[in-house]
Amino acid sequence: MKWNRQQYIDLMSFGDFERPMFCELFGPLIGLPEEWKAQGASQEEIDMIGFDWDYVPYVDCGATLGAFGTPPIEVLQEDEDYRIERDHLGRTTKLCKKTATIPLPMDYPVSKPEDWQRLKQYFVFSEDRIDQQAVEKAIELQKSGVVVRAEMPGAWDILRELMGEERACLAMFDWPDLVNDIFATITDTCTKCLQLVTDKLVVDQLYAHEDMAGKAGPMVGPGQVVEYFKPYYLAVWEVLSANGTKLFNQDSDGDMRLLLDAFMECGVNVMHPFEPNAGMDIVEARKKYGNKLAMLGGIDKFVLFKSKEDIRKELEYKMQPMMLQGGGIVFAIDHRIPNGVPLENYRYYVSLGREILGLPPLDQSQKGWGRMAF
């Protein structure tokens, strides 16, 4: 079912809502469509529209808040397996085309504080960052029910992009002036750009990509979040929330439990994908935070490898009555559908989830799917 912006905002801000939302956040990993085709999947199932997932369309607000005016990507080497590029930040990256969609950096542009001065020009404010045609398009699409979002650079994400994970961690202790200057620069850019945008429209959702944790926990502690990230996050959020924005959605894989309170102090009120395999539990989070934190995801993707009894147990726990009251939840598996998931199990998961949530059975005349991780 295609939702409109007001339905989505009402659900995720714990307002009035018509029914639960059941969706696919990211879609299949590379290789799974071929596996499913061999198991008899229809083209509509391979394209994900055959499951009639709930989704809400979205559009960017028209402001570029990250790197801007960078050199074009240069392909250095490519064959049927790999592509090696020099990216917009000057990093050498390598993409394994048969297994991945995101290239991995092989080096990083900031290895000492002076390197930032060369790149800083790509992060400073300029009115050219506002695409007026895109803003007007967002205004019109919003009238038809499309969610308007703004994507700010993630705080951890920008440090990692510039320095790599190890150096980014050390920089907050070794080079605090550098880290503060990076955040001062992107704070100035984001707030000025979004103030110009909000003079013309209401941004429905602020989005920050972080991916700053694994099974063992996050890459930084709450102290670093409060000291370095919070001023940046709050400055951006205050511009938007003062102009009607209700949702601040952070994307991070892994075990974020140690940082949930700190990021909520930063304004975050929506998080995804809540990976159970890393210890994240949407039921426990709901008990602790109530209507202060909305969530997307939370259903263990790895249960799809197991028996139907295991799938039922997972869904009955995650979709228990407490979770259906008050809104603030989009039910979905906690990341991409893994390779090796049997088509029969996935079909069962979809049908059982709809049954538990009180949704009508699949209607083959209804076709819909849209990436919800935004």
Protein backbone atom coordinates (compact mmCIF):
# COMPACT_ATOMS: atom_id res chain seq x y z
CA MET A 1 0.00 0.00 0.00
CA LYS A 2 1.23 3.45 -0.89
CA TRP A 3 1.05 5.76 2.11
CA ASN A 4 0.97 9.54 1.95
CA ARG A 5 3.20 11.86 3.93
CA GLN A 6 0.59 12.74 6.52
CA GLN A 7 -0.20 9.10 7.22
CA TYR A 8 3.51 8.37 7.66
CA ILE A 9 4.17 11.41 9.84
CA ASP A 10 1.16 10.63 12.03
CA LEU A 11 2.31 7.03 12.48
CA MET A 12 5.92 7.88 13.29
CA SER A 13 5.09 10.80 15.60
CA PHE A 14 2.71 8.63 17.67
CA GLY A 15 -0.39 10.38 16.40
CA ASP A 16 -3.57 8.88 14.99
CA PHE A 17 -2.95 6.11 12.45
CA GLU A 18 -5.19 3.82 10.48
CA ARG A 19 -3.23 0.56 10.68
CA PRO A 20 0.29 -0.85 11.20
CA MET A 21 2.94 -0.39 8.53
CA PHE A 22 4.74 -3.48 7.14
CA CYS A 23 7.54 -2.89 4.67
CA GLU A 24 10.85 -3.96 3.18
CA LEU A 25 13.54 -1.44 4.14
CA PHE A 26 16.37 -2.18 1.71
CA GLY A 27 15.52 -5.03 -0.63
CA PRO A 28 17.62 -8.10 -1.62
CA LEU A 29 21.37 -8.50 -1.63
CA ILE A 30 23.14 -9.02 -4.93
CA GLY A 31 22.62 -12.60 -6.10
CA LEU A 32 19.35 -13.31 -4.32
CA PRO A 33 17.12 -12.46 -7.31
CA GLU A 34 18.91 -15.14 -9.36
CA GLU A 35 18.45 -17.65 -6.55
CA TRP A 36 14.75 -16.90 -6.29
CA LYS A 37 14.28 -17.08 -10.04
CA ALA A 38 15.68 -20.63 -9.95
CA GLN A 39 13.15 -21.41 -7.22
CA GLY A 40 10.22 -20.28 -9.35
CA ALA A 41 9.80 -16.66 -8.32
CA SER A 42 7.74 -14.44 -10.58
CA GLN A 43 9.35 -11.33 -12.05
CA GLU A 44 7.12 -9.24 -9.80
CA GLU A 45 8.47 -11.05 -6.73
CA ILE A 46 12.03 -10.53 -7.93
CA ASP A 47 11.24 -6.85 -8.40
CA MET A 48 9.71 -6.84 -4.88
CA ILE A 49 6.41 -5.36 -6.08
CA GLY A 50 4.68 -8.74 -5.92
CA PHE A 51 4.51 -8.53 -2.11
CA ASP A 52 2.55 -5.25 -2.01
CA TRP A 53 4.80 -3.75 0.63
CA ASP A 54 3.78 -0.60 2.42
CA TYR A 55 5.88 2.40 1.43
CA VAL A 56 5.80 6.17 1.28
CA PRO A 57 7.43 8.04 -1.62
CA TYR A 58 9.97 10.70 -0.76
CA VAL A 59 11.92 13.48 -2.42
CA ASP A 60 14.98 15.46 -1.39
CA CYS A 61 14.40 19.04 -0.25
CA GLY A 62 16.75 20.50 -2.86
CA ALA A 63 19.76 21.40 -0.69
CA THR A 64 23.14 19.66 -0.93
CA LEU A 65 24.49 19.57 2.63
CA GLY A 66 27.57 17.39 2.17
CA ALA A 67 30.54 17.66 -0.18
CA PHE A 68 29.77 19.99 -3.10
CA GLY A 69 31.67 21.01 -6.21
CA THR A 70 34.08 18.11 -5.95
CA PRO A 71 36.04 16.67 -8.88
CA PRO A 72 34.31 13.97 -10.92
CA ILE A 73 34.83 10.31 -10.14
CA GLU A 74 37.65 8.80 -12.22
CA VAL A 75 37.69 5.11 -13.16
CA LEU A 76 41.25 3.84 -12.77
CA GLN A 77 40.77 0.17 -13.56
CA GLU A 78 37.83 -2.11 -14.31
CA ASP A 79 37.15 -5.70 -15.27
CA GLU A 80 34.20 -8.06 -14.88
CA ASP A 81 34.88 -8.53 -11.15
CA TYR A 82 36.15 -5.21 -9.83
CA ARG A 83 36.10 -1.48 -10.46
CA ILE A 84 38.78 0.76 -8.94
CA GLU A 85 38.07 4.50 -8.89
CA ARG A 86 39.32 7.77 -7.56
CA ASP A 87 36.22 9.18 -5.90
CA HIS A 88 35.00 12.74 -5.32
CA LEU A 89 37.13 13.10 -2.16
CA GLY A 90 40.27 11.78 -3.82
CA ARG A 91 40.11 8.33 -2.22
CA THR A 92 41.04 5.20 -4.12
CA THR A 93 38.03 2.88 -3.86
CA LYS A 94 37.41 -0.71 -4.92
CA LEU A 95 34.02 -2.22 -5.78
CA CYS A 96 33.50 -5.98 -5.92
CA LYS A 97 30.77 -5.97 -8.56
CA LYS A 98 29.50 -9.48 -7.90
CA THR A 99 28.86 -9.05 -4.19
CA ALA A 100 28.55 -5.36 -3.32
CA THR A 101 26.90 -2.12 -4.35
CA ILE A 102 29.11 0.25 -2.33
CA PRO A 103 32.84 0.61 -3.08
CA LEU A 104 35.29 0.36 -0.17
CA PRO A 105 37.99 3.02 0.31
CA MET A 106 41.58 1.81 0.04
CA ASP A 107 42.99 5.10 1.36
CA TYR A 108 41.74 8.36 2.90
CA PRO A 109 42.40 12.03 2.10
CA VAL A 110 43.03 13.32 5.66
CA SER A 111 46.07 11.76 7.33
CA LYS A 112 47.15 14.95 9.14
CA PRO A 113 45.32 18.16 10.12
CA GLU A 114 46.71 20.19 7.23
CA ASP A 115 45.01 17.87 4.73
CA TRP A 116 41.59 19.14 5.82
CA GLN A 117 42.41 22.65 4.59
CA ARG A 118 42.66 21.34 1.04
CA LEU A 119 39.23 19.66 1.26
CA LYS A 120 37.45 22.29 3.33
CA GLN A 121 36.45 24.23 0.22
CA TYR A 122 34.04 21.40 -0.69
CA PHE A 123 32.13 21.71 2.59
CA VAL A 124 31.72 25.48 3.05
CA PHE A 125 28.40 27.23 2.53
CA SER A 126 27.38 28.56 -0.85
CA GLU A 127 23.96 29.55 -2.10
CA ASP A 128 24.74 27.42 -5.16
CA ARG A 129 24.03 24.44 -2.92
CA ILE A 130 20.32 25.25 -3.22
CA ASP A 131 18.79 23.84 -6.39
CA GLN A 132 15.79 26.09 -6.82
CA GLN A 133 14.17 23.80 -9.39
CA ALA A 134 14.50 20.88 -6.99
CA VAL A 135 12.95 22.96 -4.21
CA GLU A 136 9.98 23.83 -6.41
CA LYS A 137 9.62 20.17 -7.39
CA ALA A 138 9.62 19.18 -3.71
CA ILE A 139 6.92 21.75 -2.98
CA GLU A 140 4.67 20.32 -5.67
CA LEU A 141 5.30 16.67 -4.79
CA GLN A 142 4.65 17.37 -1.12
CA LYS A 143 1.20 18.63 -2.06
CA SER A 144 0.50 15.22 -3.61
CA GLY A 145 1.53 13.33 -0.48
CA VAL A 146 5.28 12.80 -0.97
CA VAL A 147 7.58 13.06 2.07
CA VAL A 148 10.22 15.80 1.79
CA ARG A 149 13.50 14.90 3.43
CA ALA A 150 16.82 16.63 4.13
CA GLU A 151 19.99 14.56 4.44
CA MET A 152 22.69 15.99 6.68
CA PRO A 153 26.16 14.44 6.73
CA GLY A 154 26.41 11.98 9.60
CA ALA A 155 28.79 13.15 12.32
CA TRP A 156 30.71 9.90 12.58
CA ASP A 157 30.16 9.30 8.88
CA ILE A 158 31.96 12.47 7.80
CA LEU A 159 34.98 11.74 10.02
CA ARG A 160 35.18 8.18 8.70
CA GLU A 161 34.83 9.32 5.09
CA LEU A 162 37.72 11.74 5.55
CA MET A 163 40.04 9.73 7.77
CA GLY A 164 38.98 6.10 8.04
CA GLU A 165 37.68 4.51 11.22
CA GLU A 166 40.91 4.21 13.23
CA ARG A 167 42.13 7.74 12.56
CA ALA A 168 38.62 9.16 13.12
CA CYS A 169 38.53 7.59 16.59
CA LEU A 170 41.99 8.88 17.48
CA ALA A 171 41.38 12.34 16.02
CA MET A 172 38.85 13.19 18.74
CA PHE A 173 41.72 12.83 21.24
CA ASP A 174 44.77 13.75 19.16
CA TRP A 175 43.35 16.49 16.94
CA PRO A 176 40.34 18.07 18.71
CA ASP A 177 40.84 21.39 16.91
CA LEU A 178 40.60 19.64 13.56
CA VAL A 179 37.44 17.77 14.55
CA ASN A 180 35.87 20.95 15.90
CA ASP A 181 36.69 22.82 12.70
CA ILE A 182 35.13 20.07 10.56
CA PHE A 183 31.93 20.21 12.59
CA ALA A 184 31.88 24.01 12.69
CA THR A 185 32.15 24.05 8.89
CA ILE A 186 29.36 21.55 8.19
CA THR A 187 27.17 23.06 10.92
CA ASP A 188 27.41 26.46 9.26
CA THR A 189 26.67 24.97 5.84
CA CYS A 190 23.72 22.85 6.96
CA THR A 191 22.02 25.52 9.03
CA LYS A 192 22.35 28.22 6.38
CA CYS A 193 21.15 25.95 3.58
CA LEU A 194 18.19 24.62 5.54
CA GLN A 195 17.14 28.07 6.66
CA LEU A 196 16.91 29.07 2.98
CA VAL A 197 14.94 25.92 2.17
CA THR A 198 12.53 26.28 5.09
CA ASP A 199 11.65 29.77 3.94
CA LYS A 200 9.80 27.99 1.12
CA LEU A 201 8.69 24.59 2.43
CA VAL A 202 8.42 22.37 5.47
CA VAL A 203 10.92 19.53 5.55
CA ASP A 204 9.11 16.43 6.80
CA GLN A 205 12.11 14.38 7.91
CA LEU A 206 15.76 15.03 8.69
CA TYR A 207 18.00 12.04 7.95
CA ALA A 208 21.53 11.22 9.12
CA HIS A 209 23.49 8.17 8.00
CA GLU A 210 26.01 6.98 10.60
CA ASP A 211 26.57 3.17 10.46
CA MET A 212 28.84 3.56 13.45
CA ALA A 213 28.48 0.25 15.29
CA GLY A 214 28.95 -3.50 15.00
CA LYS A 215 28.09 -6.47 17.19
CA ALA A 216 30.64 -5.38 19.79
CA GLY A 217 29.15 -1.91 20.13
CA PRO A 218 29.69 1.60 18.71
CA MET A 219 32.92 3.13 17.48
CA VAL A 220 32.66 6.04 19.94
CA GLY A 221 31.18 6.47 23.39
CA PRO A 222 28.43 8.76 24.68
CA GLY A 223 31.07 11.24 25.86
CA GLN A 224 32.25 11.85 22.30
CA VAL A 225 28.67 12.08 21.06
CA VAL A 226 27.84 14.77 23.62
CA GLU A 227 31.10 16.68 23.17
CA TYR A 228 31.46 16.65 19.39
CA PHE A 229 28.26 15.46 17.74
CA LYS A 230 25.54 17.04 19.87
CA PRO A 231 26.23 20.72 19.05
CA TYR A 232 26.15 19.88 15.32
CA TYR A 233 23.05 17.70 15.49
CA LEU A 234 21.10 20.15 17.66
CA ALA A 235 21.98 23.18 15.55
CA VAL A 236 20.63 21.48 12.41
CA TRP A 237 17.60 20.02 14.16
CA GLU A 238 16.66 23.33 15.76
CA VAL A 239 16.48 25.05 12.37
CA LEU A 240 14.12 22.40 11.01
CA SER A 241 12.02 21.66 14.10
CA ALA A 242 11.37 25.38 14.55
CA ASN A 243 9.93 25.33 11.04
CA GLY A 244 7.61 22.33 11.45
CA THR A 245 9.80 19.24 10.96
CA LYS A 246 8.70 16.41 13.25
CA LEU A 247 10.95 13.47 12.38
CA PHE A 248 14.72 13.10 12.82
CA ASN A 249 15.74 9.66 11.53
CA GLN A 250 19.18 8.17 12.14
CA ASP A 251 20.46 5.13 10.24
CA SER A 252 23.01 2.97 12.03
CA ASP A 253 23.65 -0.75 11.93
CA GLY A 254 25.04 -2.65 14.90
CA ASP A 255 24.60 -2.36 18.65
CA MET A 256 23.70 1.27 19.38
CA ARG A 257 22.26 0.70 22.86
CA LEU A 258 25.10 2.56 24.57
CA LEU A 259 24.38 5.67 22.49
CA LEU A 260 20.59 5.77 22.26
CA ASP A 261 20.13 8.20 25.15
CA ALA A 262 22.93 10.47 23.93
CA PHE A 263 21.56 10.68 20.40
CA MET A 264 18.05 11.29 21.66
CA GLU A 265 19.52 14.28 23.52
CA CYS A 266 20.75 15.37 20.09
CA GLY A 267 17.18 15.46 18.75
CA VAL A 268 16.99 12.01 17.14
CA ASN A 269 13.47 10.55 17.49
CA VAL A 270 13.48 7.83 14.79
CA MET A 271 16.09 5.08 14.31
CA HIS A 272 16.67 2.11 12.03
CA PRO A 273 17.31 -0.74 11.31
CA PHE A 274 17.58 -2.19 14.89
CA GLU A 275 19.59 -5.35 14.19
CA PRO A 276 18.67 -8.16 16.63
CA ASN A 277 21.87 -10.05 15.80
CA ALA A 278 23.75 -7.11 17.35
CA GLY A 279 21.58 -7.06 20.47
CA MET A 280 19.01 -4.46 19.37
CA ASP A 281 15.46 -5.33 20.47
CA ILE A 282 12.54 -3.14 19.40
CA VAL A 283 10.32 -4.57 22.14
CA GLU A 284 12.78 -3.68 24.90
CA ALA A 285 13.37 -0.27 23.32
CA ARG A 286 9.63 0.42 23.30
CA LYS A 287 9.38 -0.55 26.96
CA LYS A 288 12.23 1.81 27.84
CA TYR A 289 11.53 4.79 25.60
CA GLY A 290 7.80 4.64 24.91
CA ASN A 291 6.72 7.36 22.49
CA LYS A 292 10.07 9.17 22.62
CA LEU A 293 11.64 6.94 19.97
CA ALA A 294 10.07 5.63 16.76
CA MET A 295 11.68 2.72 14.94
CA LEU A 296 11.91 1.03 11.56
CA GLY A 297 13.06 -2.58 11.16
CA GLY A 298 13.85 -4.81 14.10
CA ILE A 299 12.81 -8.21 12.69
CA ASP A 300 15.74 -10.64 12.54
CA LYS A 301 16.66 -11.22 8.88
CA PHE A 302 18.49 -14.42 9.80
CA VAL A 303 15.29 -16.06 11.06
CA LEU A 304 14.32 -16.34 7.37
CA PHE A 305 16.90 -19.16 7.06
CA LYS A 306 15.20 -21.15 9.81
CA SER A 307 11.94 -23.07 10.15
CA LYS A 308 8.47 -21.65 9.77
CA GLU A 309 8.00 -22.23 13.48
CA ASP A 310 11.02 -19.99 14.16
CA ILE A 311 9.64 -17.31 11.83
CA ARG A 312 6.31 -17.41 13.64
CA LYS A 313 8.00 -17.12 17.03
CA GLU A 314 9.99 -14.07 15.89
CA LEU A 315 6.97 -12.30 14.42
CA GLU A 316 4.67 -13.04 17.33
CA TYR A 317 7.25 -11.55 19.69
CA LYS A 318 8.05 -8.46 17.61
CA MET A 319 4.42 -7.88 16.56
CA GLN A 320 2.93 -8.46 20.00
CA PRO A 321 -0.09 -6.32 21.03
CA MET A 322 2.03 -3.79 22.94
CA MET A 323 3.91 -2.97 19.73
CA LEU A 324 0.70 -2.37 17.78
CA GLN A 325 -0.56 0.34 20.12
CA GLY A 326 0.27 3.99 19.72
CA GLY A 327 2.22 3.83 16.46
CA GLY A 328 5.88 4.77 16.13
CA ILE A 329 6.90 1.53 14.41
CA VAL A 330 7.45 0.34 10.85
CA PHE A 331 7.78 -3.45 10.94
CA ALA A 332 10.51 -4.80 8.63
CA ILE A 333 13.53 -7.06 8.61
CA ASP A 334 16.61 -5.33 9.92
CA HIS A 335 18.56 -4.89 6.67
CA ARG A 336 18.82 -6.38 3.19
CA ILE A 337 17.35 -9.82 2.50
CA PRO A 338 20.40 -12.14 2.72
CA ASN A 339 21.53 -14.47 -0.02
CA GLY A 340 20.34 -18.01 0.59
CA VAL A 341 16.94 -17.11 2.03
CA PRO A 342 14.47 -19.62 0.56
CA LEU A 343 11.68 -18.05 -1.45
CA GLU A 344 9.15 -20.25 0.34
CA ASN A 345 10.27 -18.90 3.71
CA TYR A 346 10.09 -15.31 2.52
CA ARG A 347 6.58 -15.82 1.16
CA TYR A 348 5.58 -17.34 4.49
CA TYR A 349 7.10 -14.40 6.38
CA VAL A 350 5.12 -11.91 4.29
CA SER A 351 1.82 -13.77 4.64
CA LEU A 352 2.20 -14.44 8.36
CA GLY A 353 3.24 -10.88 9.10
CA ARG A 354 0.19 -9.53 7.34
CA GLU A 355 -2.01 -11.98 9.23
CA ILE A 356 -0.61 -11.03 12.66
CA LEU A 357 -0.90 -7.32 11.89
CA GLY A 358 -4.49 -7.69 10.75
CA LEU A 359 -3.74 -6.66 7.18
CA PRO A 360 -5.69 -8.15 4.27
CA PRO A 361 -4.16 -11.11 2.42
CA LEU A 362 -1.95 -10.35 -0.55
CA ASP A 363 -3.91 -9.07 -3.52
CA GLN A 364 -2.03 -9.79 -6.75
CA SER A 365 -3.61 -6.73 -8.34
CA GLN A 366 -1.84 -4.49 -5.81
CA LYS A 367 1.75 -3.76 -6.75
CA GLY A 368 4.01 -1.62 -4.67
CA TRP A 369 7.42 -1.30 -3.10
CA GLY A 370 9.71 1.56 -2.25
CA ARG A 371 12.95 1.71 -0.30
CA MET A 372 12.03 2.90 3.19
CA ALA A 373 15.51 3.42 4.64
CA PHE A 374 15.56 7.18 4.27
